[in-house]
Amino acid sequence: MIEDNKPSDIRFVSKKADDIRYTKKEELLASLTGPGSEGTGIYYSQFDPGTLYMYVQHSAAEDGDGTWTITGNRRG
C-alpha cells in the first residue's frame, strides 16, 4: 500500500483481517522524504520478485520523477 501524504509512505499490509475487515498487521517499509516526492503507485513483477517498483512524481530533484526501485528480500 502506498500513501499520498508527507512523507509519502509505503507499507506492507496483511491480507488477514478481523471481523470488521480491519487488517491485523501493517508495517512501514519506506518513506519518500525527498522534497515534494509523491508516490503514485507500486508494483512487484512476477519475473523479478526481489524488486519493488515505485512510481514517483513531483520530486524537487532534477531526475526525481519516474520509476524508483527498492531491492532486497521479498517477505512471504
Protein backbone atom coordinates (compact mmCIF):
# COMPACT_ATOMS: atom_id res chain seq x y z
CA MET A 1 0.00 0.00 0.00
CA ILE A 2 1.29 3.48 -0.77
CA GLU A 3 0.01 6.64 0.91
CA ASP A 4 -0.07 10.07 -0.64
CA ASN A 5 0.95 12.13 2.37
CA LYS A 6 4.08 13.89 3.61
CA PRO A 7 6.20 11.89 3.71
CA SER A 8 4.66 9.51 1.19
CA ASP A 9 4.76 6.11 2.94
CA ILE A 10 4.92 2.57 1.57
CA ARG A 11 3.50 -0.11 3.89
CA PHE A 12 3.18 -3.87 3.89
CA VAL A 13 -0.41 -4.75 4.79
CA SER A 14 -1.58 -8.21 5.82
CA LYS A 15 -4.36 -9.83 3.80
CA LYS A 16 -5.76 -11.23 7.05
CA ALA A 17 -8.47 -9.12 8.68
CA ASP A 18 -10.54 -9.12 11.83
CA ASP A 19 -14.33 -9.48 11.98
CA ILE A 20 -14.94 -5.92 10.76
CA ARG A 21 -12.33 -6.17 7.97
CA TYR A 22 -9.53 -4.16 9.58
CA THR A 23 -6.10 -5.54 8.73
CA LYS A 24 -4.43 -7.49 11.51
CA LYS A 25 -0.94 -6.27 10.64
CA GLU A 26 0.75 -3.43 8.78
CA GLU A 27 4.38 -2.40 8.73
CA LEU A 28 6.23 0.62 7.34
CA LEU A 29 8.62 -0.33 4.53
CA ALA A 30 9.82 3.10 3.38
CA SER A 31 9.05 6.82 3.35
CA LEU A 32 9.77 9.16 0.47
CA THR A 33 11.49 12.06 2.16
CA GLY A 34 12.79 13.89 -0.93
CA PRO A 35 11.34 17.40 -1.20
CA GLY A 36 7.95 17.22 -2.91
CA SER A 37 8.20 13.48 -3.66
CA GLU A 38 4.80 11.88 -4.02
CA GLY A 39 4.35 8.15 -4.50
CA THR A 40 1.70 7.30 -7.07
CA GLY A 41 1.86 3.51 -7.22
CA ILE A 42 3.87 0.37 -6.51
CA TYR A 43 4.37 -2.87 -8.42
CA TYR A 44 6.04 -6.29 -7.94
CA SER A 45 6.90 -8.20 -11.10
CA GLN A 46 6.49 -11.98 -11.12
CA PHE A 47 9.75 -12.08 -13.09
CA ASP A 48 11.71 -10.02 -10.53
CA PRO A 49 10.20 -10.76 -7.08
CA GLY A 50 13.12 -9.17 -5.20
CA THR A 51 12.41 -5.69 -6.56
CA LEU A 52 9.60 -3.29 -5.70
CA TYR A 53 8.95 -0.73 -8.43
CA MET A 54 7.64 2.59 -7.17
CA TYR A 55 6.27 5.41 -9.29
CA VAL A 56 7.13 8.93 -8.08
CA GLN A 57 6.00 12.37 -9.21
CA HIS A 58 6.56 15.99 -8.18
CA SER A 59 10.05 15.37 -6.84
CA ALA A 60 12.10 18.56 -6.49
CA ALA A 61 15.18 16.63 -7.66
CA GLU A 62 16.08 17.15 -11.32
CA ASP A 63 15.93 13.41 -12.04
CA GLY A 64 13.38 12.55 -9.33
CA ASP A 65 10.20 11.91 -11.33
CA GLY A 66 9.89 8.40 -12.73
CA THR A 67 10.20 4.82 -11.56
CA TRP A 68 12.32 4.14 -8.49
CA THR A 69 13.22 0.68 -7.18
CA ILE A 70 13.69 -0.92 -3.79
CA THR A 71 15.58 -4.22 -3.86
CA GLY A 72 16.10 -6.91 -1.27
CA ASN A 73 14.45 -9.99 0.12
CA ARG A 74 10.72 -10.16 -0.52
CA ARG A 75 8.67 -11.12 2.51
CA GLY A 76 6.27 -14.01 2.07
